[in-house]
Amino acid sequence: MKRFLALLLTFTIYCSFTEKETVWLALGDSITYLNDHLDETGNRVHKGYMTRVVEKKPSIRYVNQGHNGWTAVRIAKEIENLGLVKADIYTIFLGTNDWWAGLPLGSLTDYQQNTGNATVFGAFKTIINKIRQLNARADIVLITPMQRTDFVYINDMHNNAWGSYKEKNGQQLEQFANAIRRIGKLEGVKVIDLFHNDQLGLANLVNYKRLRDPLTNAYKDFNYPDYTHIPFNADSDEYPYPIQAINMTYDGLHPSDDGNQLIAEKLLNLFNTLR
């Protein structure tokens, strides 16, 4: 009997100090996807933001639902085919690809009236409805797109795009970030606003862009915003972001180790406030 009571006491103490597992489903695009595909960063990233979070909070188990190159609109259209599971926390980190694809942002009315997936506002309604169907009590965290400078894919330089300093299809990326903030306010859910974070400002995304000087044809390291006026030729130029150019992103768009650490810290601070 004494042995049984001692075992029971040991088990009770163990349980009291063991945190219950929290399931976190991260829904996103390539920034989320790359957490588990570091080789696709040219091994320039050593840990993604999700890995960094669970290292600090081992009671969290993440489910990576990052879809490389996908938009919020495409996620919404495929929402029933993604295999989303019940979780305690859902983060939604989307919008940058919708902007670059020139998809219509729409209006808050599209969200409020659940008009469907023709606009980004409408797509977010579809996504959040699905999450609440899976777990009505789950915490939902919205993450705005980061600002982005000139993107050049490290594995294919023909895959490149200008940064958020210019419009795409008559829309600014900031409009998409502000839309996500408005949805968060309407729904009463937490929002991590990366777009307006000073550490992720355009001048901090890369240290420089290495391009041919139009006057001399010699390679030169140009700072922001000077490099935005210098042409880049994917067929003949070297990759414009050598290792030394890495700052908060490693390619002008995707977070570096420093960028992922910043995102992880924002999430950890917020997760600590959730029930």
Foldseek 3Di string as FASTA:
>chain_A
DVVVVVVVVVVVVVVVPDDAAFEEEEAEEVLLVCQPVCVQQVVLADHFLVVVQCVVVVSYDYDGNYHYLDALLVCLVCVVPSPDAQGQEYEYEHQPSCQQVLQAQDDCVCLVVLVHRSHNSNSVNSVVVVNCVRPVNHAYEYEQFAWFAWFARPVARVPIDGTQVDGDNPDGSVVRLVSSVVVCVVVVHHYHYNHPDPCRDQQQQWVFWWAQDPVPRDTDTHGPPVCVPPDDDRVDDDQGQDSNGGGQPRGRGHGGNNVSNVVNVVVNVVVVPDD
